[in-house]
Amino acid sequence: MSKQPLAYHDEEFLDSTDARPIRLLAEYLEPARRFRQANIQDTVVFFGSARVHSREDAQRELQELQKKKGRKAAHYASLVRRSRKAVEWSRYYEEARELASRPGKRSPAAARDAPPGPDCVPVRGYETRGLAFRRDGP
């Protein structure tokens, strides 16, 4: 009988559905570590979905589908319905991006009274956006 590897060295386990909570936690902890190392004190994070696309991408995919031959195929109507739904849902993607941009915008009064230098840095991951606030002191 072979020795069972430690769970955190077992790639098959780590890629499994059972280990999804561990992967999600790692996606939180690893950036938190980098923020601490960069002396970033506070963050605003917006999480997105890999299933919802930008309006531009969703509309392009629908147009490409409508140009394809094989419109009489049995599954074509289903693909078009799904693609139209993706365009509809893209509204939420666009609204989330707009909301995520708000904390970085300053009112004229806040900009006038703010110390010089960047204190708010936009950070964008894979189709996500957030802000990181850097503290200059120890």
N, C-alpha and C. Protein backbone atom coordinates (compact mmCIF):
# COMPACT_ATOMS: atom_id res chain seq x y z
N MET A 1 0.85 -1.18 0.00
CA MET A 1 0.00 0.00 0.00
C MET A 1 0.89 1.24 0.00
N SER A 2 0.61 2.17 -0.91
CA SER A 2 1.43 3.37 -0.99
C SER A 2 0.99 4.38 0.06
N LYS A 3 1.95 5.17 0.45
CA LYS A 3 1.68 6.20 1.47
C LYS A 3 0.84 7.32 0.86
N GLN A 4 -0.22 7.69 1.54
CA GLN A 4 -1.10 8.76 1.09
C GLN A 4 -0.41 10.11 1.27
N PRO A 5 -0.36 10.96 0.21
CA PRO A 5 0.28 12.27 0.37
C PRO A 5 -0.55 13.16 1.29
N LEU A 6 0.11 14.14 1.87
CA LEU A 6 -0.63 15.14 2.65
C LEU A 6 -1.63 15.83 1.74
N ALA A 7 -2.77 16.16 2.27
CA ALA A 7 -3.86 16.72 1.45
C ALA A 7 -3.43 17.95 0.68
N TYR A 8 -2.63 18.82 1.27
CA TYR A 8 -2.24 20.04 0.58
C TYR A 8 -1.17 19.80 -0.49
N HIS A 9 -0.66 18.57 -0.59
CA HIS A 9 0.24 18.19 -1.68
C HIS A 9 -0.48 17.33 -2.73
N ASP A 10 -1.70 16.96 -2.48
CA ASP A 10 -2.46 16.06 -3.34
C ASP A 10 -3.21 16.89 -4.39
N GLU A 11 -2.62 17.02 -5.59
CA GLU A 11 -3.22 17.86 -6.62
C GLU A 11 -4.58 17.37 -7.07
N GLU A 12 -4.76 16.06 -7.12
CA GLU A 12 -6.06 15.52 -7.51
C GLU A 12 -7.14 15.97 -6.52
N PHE A 13 -6.82 15.91 -5.23
CA PHE A 13 -7.76 16.38 -4.22
C PHE A 13 -7.99 17.89 -4.35
N LEU A 14 -6.90 18.66 -4.48
CA LEU A 14 -7.03 20.12 -4.54
C LEU A 14 -7.84 20.57 -5.75
N ASP A 15 -7.83 19.79 -6.84
CA ASP A 15 -8.61 20.13 -8.02
C ASP A 15 -10.04 19.60 -7.96
N SER A 16 -10.38 18.90 -6.90
CA SER A 16 -11.69 18.27 -6.79
C SER A 16 -12.75 19.26 -6.31
N THR A 17 -14.01 18.87 -6.48
CA THR A 17 -15.14 19.66 -5.99
C THR A 17 -15.08 19.77 -4.46
N ASP A 18 -14.64 18.71 -3.81
CA ASP A 18 -14.57 18.72 -2.34
C ASP A 18 -13.64 19.79 -1.81
N ALA A 19 -12.61 20.14 -2.58
CA ALA A 19 -11.62 21.12 -2.11
C ALA A 19 -11.94 22.54 -2.56
N ARG A 20 -13.07 22.76 -3.17
CA ARG A 20 -13.42 24.10 -3.63
C ARG A 20 -13.36 25.14 -2.52
N PRO A 21 -13.86 24.87 -1.32
CA PRO A 21 -13.74 25.88 -0.25
C PRO A 21 -12.29 26.23 0.07
N ILE A 22 -11.40 25.28 -0.05
CA ILE A 22 -9.98 25.55 0.20
C ILE A 22 -9.43 26.48 -0.89
N ARG A 23 -9.80 26.22 -2.13
CA ARG A 23 -9.33 27.08 -3.23
C ARG A 23 -9.87 28.49 -3.07
N LEU A 24 -11.15 28.63 -2.67
CA LEU A 24 -11.72 29.96 -2.46
C LEU A 24 -11.00 30.70 -1.33
N LEU A 25 -10.72 29.99 -0.26
CA LEU A 25 -9.99 30.61 0.86
C LEU A 25 -8.60 31.05 0.41
N ALA A 26 -7.93 30.24 -0.39
CA ALA A 26 -6.61 30.61 -0.89
C ALA A 26 -6.67 31.86 -1.76
N GLU A 27 -7.76 32.03 -2.52
CA GLU A 27 -7.92 33.22 -3.35
C GLU A 27 -8.14 34.47 -2.51
N TYR A 28 -8.51 34.30 -1.28
CA TYR A 28 -8.63 35.43 -0.34
C TYR A 28 -7.30 35.66 0.38
N LEU A 29 -6.71 34.59 0.89
CA LEU A 29 -5.52 34.71 1.72
C LEU A 29 -4.27 35.16 0.96
N GLU A 30 -4.10 34.67 -0.26
CA GLU A 30 -2.88 35.01 -1.00
C GLU A 30 -2.81 36.51 -1.33
N PRO A 31 -3.88 37.13 -1.86
CA PRO A 31 -3.81 38.58 -2.07
C PRO A 31 -3.69 39.36 -0.76
N ALA A 32 -4.33 38.87 0.32
CA ALA A 32 -4.22 39.56 1.61
C ALA A 32 -2.77 39.60 2.06
N ARG A 33 -2.05 38.54 1.82
CA ARG A 33 -0.61 38.49 2.16
C ARG A 33 0.17 39.53 1.35
N ARG A 34 -0.12 39.61 0.05
CA ARG A 34 0.58 40.60 -0.79
C ARG A 34 0.23 42.02 -0.35
N PHE A 35 -1.03 42.27 0.04
CA PHE A 35 -1.41 43.59 0.51
C PHE A 35 -0.64 43.97 1.76
N ARG A 36 -0.52 43.02 2.70
CA ARG A 36 0.25 43.29 3.93
C ARG A 36 1.70 43.61 3.59
N GLN A 37 2.28 42.87 2.68
CA GLN A 37 3.68 43.10 2.30
C GLN A 37 3.86 44.46 1.65
N ALA A 38 2.84 44.95 0.95
CA ALA A 38 2.90 46.25 0.29
C ALA A 38 2.38 47.38 1.18
N ASN A 39 2.07 47.06 2.43
CA ASN A 39 1.56 48.04 3.40
C ASN A 39 0.23 48.65 2.95
N ILE A 40 -0.58 47.86 2.30
CA ILE A 40 -1.93 48.29 1.92
C ILE A 40 -2.84 47.93 3.08
N GLN A 41 -3.47 48.95 3.65
CA GLN A 41 -4.24 48.76 4.89
C GLN A 41 -5.69 48.37 4.67
N ASP A 42 -6.33 48.96 3.69
CA ASP A 42 -7.76 48.73 3.49
C ASP A 42 -8.01 48.45 2.01
N THR A 43 -8.98 47.63 1.74
CA THR A 43 -9.34 47.34 0.36
C THR A 43 -10.85 47.28 0.21
N VAL A 44 -11.30 47.56 -0.97
CA VAL A 44 -12.69 47.38 -1.35
C VAL A 44 -12.64 46.37 -2.49
N VAL A 45 -13.33 45.25 -2.34
CA VAL A 45 -13.26 44.18 -3.33
C VAL A 45 -14.64 43.93 -3.91
N PHE A 46 -14.71 43.82 -5.22
CA PHE A 46 -15.93 43.46 -5.92
C PHE A 46 -15.68 42.12 -6.60
N PHE A 47 -16.50 41.15 -6.26
CA PHE A 47 -16.36 39.83 -6.86
C PHE A 47 -17.33 39.72 -8.04
N GLY A 48 -16.88 39.04 -9.06
CA GLY A 48 -17.70 38.87 -10.24
C GLY A 48 -18.00 37.41 -10.49
N SER A 49 -18.41 37.14 -11.69
CA SER A 49 -18.74 35.78 -12.09
C SER A 49 -18.11 35.48 -13.43
N ALA A 50 -17.56 34.30 -13.56
CA ALA A 50 -16.99 33.88 -14.84
C ALA A 50 -18.09 33.59 -15.85
N ARG A 51 -19.32 33.49 -15.40
CA ARG A 51 -20.42 33.14 -16.29
C ARG A 51 -21.11 34.35 -16.90
N VAL A 52 -20.89 35.53 -16.35
CA VAL A 52 -21.52 36.75 -16.87
C VAL A 52 -20.42 37.55 -17.57
N HIS A 53 -20.73 37.95 -18.80
CA HIS A 53 -19.73 38.64 -19.62
C HIS A 53 -20.11 40.10 -19.83
N SER A 54 -19.15 40.87 -20.32
CA SER A 54 -19.42 42.26 -20.64
C SER A 54 -20.46 42.34 -21.76
N ARG A 55 -21.13 43.47 -21.84
CA ARG A 55 -22.14 43.65 -22.89
C ARG A 55 -21.50 43.49 -24.27
N GLU A 56 -20.33 44.08 -24.43
CA GLU A 56 -19.62 44.01 -25.72
C GLU A 56 -19.36 42.55 -26.12
N ASP A 57 -18.84 41.75 -25.20
CA ASP A 57 -18.55 40.35 -25.49
C ASP A 57 -19.82 39.56 -25.76
N ALA A 58 -20.85 39.78 -24.96
CA ALA A 58 -22.11 39.04 -25.12
C ALA A 58 -22.77 39.37 -26.45
N GLN A 59 -22.77 40.65 -26.83
CA GLN A 59 -23.38 41.03 -28.10
C GLN A 59 -22.58 40.48 -29.27
N ARG A 60 -21.26 40.50 -29.17
CA ARG A 60 -20.41 39.96 -30.23
C ARG A 60 -20.67 38.46 -30.42
N GLU A 61 -20.78 37.73 -29.32
CA GLU A 61 -21.05 36.29 -29.40
C GLU A 61 -22.41 36.02 -30.02
N LEU A 62 -23.41 36.82 -29.70
CA LEU A 62 -24.73 36.65 -30.30
C LEU A 62 -24.67 36.93 -31.80
N GLN A 63 -24.00 37.99 -32.19
CA GLN A 63 -23.89 38.31 -33.62
C GLN A 63 -23.16 37.22 -34.39
N GLU A 64 -22.10 36.68 -33.80
CA GLU A 64 -21.36 35.59 -34.45
C GLU A 64 -22.24 34.35 -34.60
N LEU A 65 -23.03 34.07 -33.60
CA LEU A 65 -23.93 32.93 -33.65
C LEU A 65 -24.97 33.12 -34.75
N GLN A 66 -25.51 34.33 -34.86
CA GLN A 66 -26.54 34.60 -35.86
C GLN A 66 -25.99 34.55 -37.28
N LYS A 67 -24.69 34.75 -37.46
CA LYS A 67 -24.07 34.69 -38.78
C LYS A 67 -23.78 33.26 -39.22
N LYS A 68 -23.71 32.34 -38.27
CA LYS A 68 -23.33 30.96 -38.58
C LYS A 68 -24.38 30.26 -39.41
N LYS A 69 -23.88 29.31 -40.18
CA LYS A 69 -24.79 28.45 -40.94
C LYS A 69 -25.30 27.38 -39.99
N GLY A 70 -26.28 26.65 -40.43
CA GLY A 70 -26.83 25.59 -39.58
C GLY A 70 -27.96 26.08 -38.70
N ARG A 71 -28.61 27.14 -39.15
CA ARG A 71 -29.70 27.70 -38.35
C ARG A 71 -30.85 26.72 -38.16
N LYS A 72 -30.91 25.71 -38.99
CA LYS A 72 -32.01 24.76 -38.88
C LYS A 72 -31.68 23.63 -37.93
N ALA A 73 -30.47 23.62 -37.41
CA ALA A 73 -30.09 22.57 -36.48
C ALA A 73 -31.00 22.64 -35.25
N ALA A 74 -31.26 21.49 -34.67
CA ALA A 74 -32.20 21.40 -33.54
C ALA A 74 -31.78 22.26 -32.36
N HIS A 75 -30.51 22.37 -32.13
CA HIS A 75 -30.05 23.10 -30.94
C HIS A 75 -29.81 24.59 -31.21
N TYR A 76 -29.96 25.05 -32.46
CA TYR A 76 -29.68 26.44 -32.78
C TYR A 76 -30.56 27.41 -31.98
N ALA A 77 -31.86 27.13 -31.92
CA ALA A 77 -32.79 28.01 -31.19
C ALA A 77 -32.39 28.10 -29.72
N SER A 78 -31.97 26.98 -29.16
CA SER A 78 -31.53 26.98 -27.76
C SER A 78 -30.28 27.82 -27.58
N LEU A 79 -29.35 27.73 -28.51
CA LEU A 79 -28.12 28.53 -28.43
C LEU A 79 -28.42 30.02 -28.54
N VAL A 80 -29.35 30.38 -29.41
CA VAL A 80 -29.72 31.79 -29.57
C VAL A 80 -30.40 32.30 -28.30
N ARG A 81 -31.30 31.50 -27.72
CA ARG A 81 -31.96 31.91 -26.46
C ARG A 81 -30.91 32.14 -25.37
N ARG A 82 -29.98 31.22 -25.26
CA ARG A 82 -28.93 31.34 -24.24
C ARG A 82 -28.06 32.57 -24.49
N SER A 83 -27.74 32.83 -25.74
CA SER A 83 -26.91 33.99 -26.08
C SER A 83 -27.66 35.30 -25.81
N ARG A 84 -28.95 35.33 -26.11
CA ARG A 84 -29.75 36.53 -25.80
C ARG A 84 -29.84 36.75 -24.29
N LYS A 85 -29.94 35.67 -23.55
CA LYS A 85 -29.97 35.77 -22.08
C LYS A 85 -28.64 36.32 -21.58
N ALA A 86 -27.53 35.92 -22.22
CA ALA A 86 -26.20 36.43 -21.83
C ALA A 86 -26.12 37.94 -22.05
N VAL A 87 -26.72 38.42 -23.15
CA VAL A 87 -26.75 39.87 -23.40
C VAL A 87 -27.58 40.55 -22.31
N GLU A 88 -28.70 39.96 -21.96
CA GLU A 88 -29.56 40.51 -20.90
C GLU A 88 -28.80 40.57 -19.57
N TRP A 89 -28.13 39.48 -19.23
CA TRP A 89 -27.40 39.42 -17.95
C TRP A 89 -26.16 40.30 -17.94
N SER A 90 -25.66 40.68 -19.10
CA SER A 90 -24.47 41.54 -19.15
C SER A 90 -24.73 42.88 -18.46
N ARG A 91 -25.99 43.21 -18.31
CA ARG A 91 -26.36 44.44 -17.58
C ARG A 91 -25.74 44.44 -16.18
N TYR A 92 -25.77 43.28 -15.52
CA TYR A 92 -25.24 43.19 -14.16
C TYR A 92 -23.72 43.34 -14.15
N TYR A 93 -23.07 42.82 -15.16
CA TYR A 93 -21.63 42.98 -15.29
C TYR A 93 -21.28 44.46 -15.42
N GLU A 94 -21.99 45.15 -16.30
CA GLU A 94 -21.72 46.58 -16.53
C GLU A 94 -22.03 47.40 -15.28
N GLU A 95 -23.12 47.07 -14.59
CA GLU A 95 -23.46 47.80 -13.37
C GLU A 95 -22.42 47.57 -12.27
N ALA A 96 -21.92 46.35 -12.17
CA ALA A 96 -20.89 46.06 -11.16
C ALA A 96 -19.60 46.83 -11.47
N ARG A 97 -19.23 46.91 -12.74
CA ARG A 97 -18.02 47.67 -13.10
C ARG A 97 -18.19 49.15 -12.78
N GLU A 98 -19.37 49.68 -13.05
CA GLU A 98 -19.62 51.09 -12.76
C GLU A 98 -19.58 51.33 -11.24
N LEU A 99 -20.20 50.44 -10.48
CA LEU A 99 -20.18 50.56 -9.02
C LEU A 99 -18.76 50.46 -8.49
N ALA A 100 -17.98 49.55 -9.03
CA ALA A 100 -16.61 49.37 -8.57
C ALA A 100 -15.74 50.60 -8.85
N SER A 101 -16.11 51.39 -9.84
CA SER A 101 -15.31 52.58 -10.16
C SER A 101 -15.61 53.75 -9.23
N ARG A 102 -16.74 53.72 -8.53
CA ARG A 102 -17.15 54.87 -7.71
C ARG A 102 -16.22 55.21 -6.55
N PRO A 103 -15.74 54.25 -5.77
CA PRO A 103 -14.89 54.64 -4.64
C PRO A 103 -13.62 55.39 -5.04
N GLY A 104 -13.16 55.19 -6.26
CA GLY A 104 -11.95 55.86 -6.71
C GLY A 104 -12.16 57.27 -7.20
N LYS A 105 -13.42 57.64 -7.40
CA LYS A 105 -13.73 58.99 -7.86
C LYS A 105 -13.86 59.91 -6.67
N ARG A 106 -13.26 61.06 -6.77
CA ARG A 106 -13.33 62.02 -5.66
C ARG A 106 -14.20 63.19 -6.04
N SER A 107 -14.84 63.71 -5.04
CA SER A 107 -15.56 64.96 -5.26
C SER A 107 -14.51 66.07 -5.36
N PRO A 108 -14.85 67.19 -5.98
CA PRO A 108 -13.87 68.29 -6.05
C PRO A 108 -13.36 68.71 -4.67
N ALA A 109 -14.23 68.72 -3.66
CA ALA A 109 -13.80 69.11 -2.31
C ALA A 109 -12.82 68.08 -1.74
N ALA A 110 -13.09 66.82 -1.91
CA ALA A 110 -12.19 65.78 -1.40
C ALA A 110 -10.85 65.84 -2.12
N ALA A 111 -10.86 66.08 -3.42
CA ALA A 111 -9.61 66.17 -4.18
C ALA A 111 -8.80 67.38 -3.72
N ARG A 112 -9.47 68.49 -3.41
CA ARG A 112 -8.79 69.71 -2.97
C ARG A 112 -8.12 69.51 -1.62
N ASP A 113 -8.79 68.79 -0.71
CA ASP A 113 -8.28 68.63 0.65
C ASP A 113 -7.36 67.42 0.82
N ALA A 114 -7.23 66.59 -0.20
CA ALA A 114 -6.44 65.37 -0.07
C ALA A 114 -4.94 65.67 -0.12
N PRO A 115 -4.15 64.89 0.60
CA PRO A 115 -2.70 65.06 0.52
C PRO A 115 -2.22 64.66 -0.87
N PRO A 116 -1.07 65.18 -1.31
CA PRO A 116 -0.56 64.81 -2.63
C PRO A 116 -0.15 63.33 -2.67
N GLY A 117 -0.16 62.78 -3.85
CA GLY A 117 0.26 61.39 -4.03
C GLY A 117 -0.90 60.44 -4.08
N PRO A 118 -0.66 59.25 -4.63
CA PRO A 118 -1.76 58.29 -4.76
C PRO A 118 -2.11 57.66 -3.42
N ASP A 119 -3.36 57.71 -3.06
CA ASP A 119 -3.81 57.00 -1.87
C ASP A 119 -4.87 55.98 -2.22
N CYS A 120 -5.28 55.99 -3.48
CA CYS A 120 -6.31 55.07 -3.93
C CYS A 120 -5.85 54.50 -5.27
N VAL A 121 -5.60 53.22 -5.30
CA VAL A 121 -5.04 52.58 -6.48
C VAL A 121 -6.04 51.57 -7.03
N PRO A 122 -6.52 51.75 -8.27
CA PRO A 122 -7.41 50.73 -8.81
C PRO A 122 -6.65 49.44 -9.07
N VAL A 123 -7.25 48.34 -8.72
CA VAL A 123 -6.64 47.03 -8.91
C VAL A 123 -7.64 46.19 -9.69
N ARG A 124 -7.19 45.60 -10.78
CA ARG A 124 -8.10 44.80 -11.58
C ARG A 124 -7.51 43.43 -11.79
N GLY A 125 -8.28 42.41 -11.41
CA GLY A 125 -7.88 41.04 -11.64
C GLY A 125 -8.56 40.52 -12.87
N TYR A 126 -8.76 39.24 -12.95
CA TYR A 126 -9.44 38.66 -14.10
C TYR A 126 -10.89 39.13 -14.10
N GLU A 127 -11.14 40.14 -14.90
CA GLU A 127 -12.48 40.72 -15.02
C GLU A 127 -13.06 41.15 -13.68
N THR A 128 -12.20 41.60 -12.78
CA THR A 128 -12.69 42.16 -11.52
C THR A 128 -12.02 43.50 -11.33
N ARG A 129 -12.56 44.29 -10.46
CA ARG A 129 -11.97 45.59 -10.20
C ARG A 129 -12.17 45.92 -8.73
N GLY A 130 -11.19 46.53 -8.15
CA GLY A 130 -11.29 46.94 -6.76
C GLY A 130 -10.38 48.11 -6.52
N LEU A 131 -10.28 48.53 -5.31
CA LEU A 131 -9.42 49.65 -4.94
C LEU A 131 -8.59 49.24 -3.74
N ALA A 132 -7.37 49.71 -3.71
CA ALA A 132 -6.51 49.45 -2.57
C ALA A 132 -6.04 50.80 -2.04
N PHE A 133 -6.11 50.97 -0.74
CA PHE A 133 -5.69 52.22 -0.12
C PHE A 133 -4.37 51.98 0.59
N ARG A 134 -3.35 52.73 0.20
CA ARG A 134 -2.01 52.56 0.72
C ARG A 134 -1.74 53.58 1.81
N ARG A 135 -1.19 53.10 2.92
CA ARG A 135 -0.81 53.99 4.01
C ARG A 135 0.70 54.19 3.93
N ASP A 136 1.15 55.43 3.92
CA ASP A 136 2.57 55.72 3.73
C ASP A 136 3.41 55.46 4.97
N GLY A 137 2.84 55.59 6.13
CA GLY A 137 3.60 55.42 7.37
C GLY A 137 3.71 53.99 7.79
N PRO A 138 4.43 53.71 8.91
CA PRO A 138 4.55 52.34 9.40
C PRO A 138 3.26 51.81 10.00
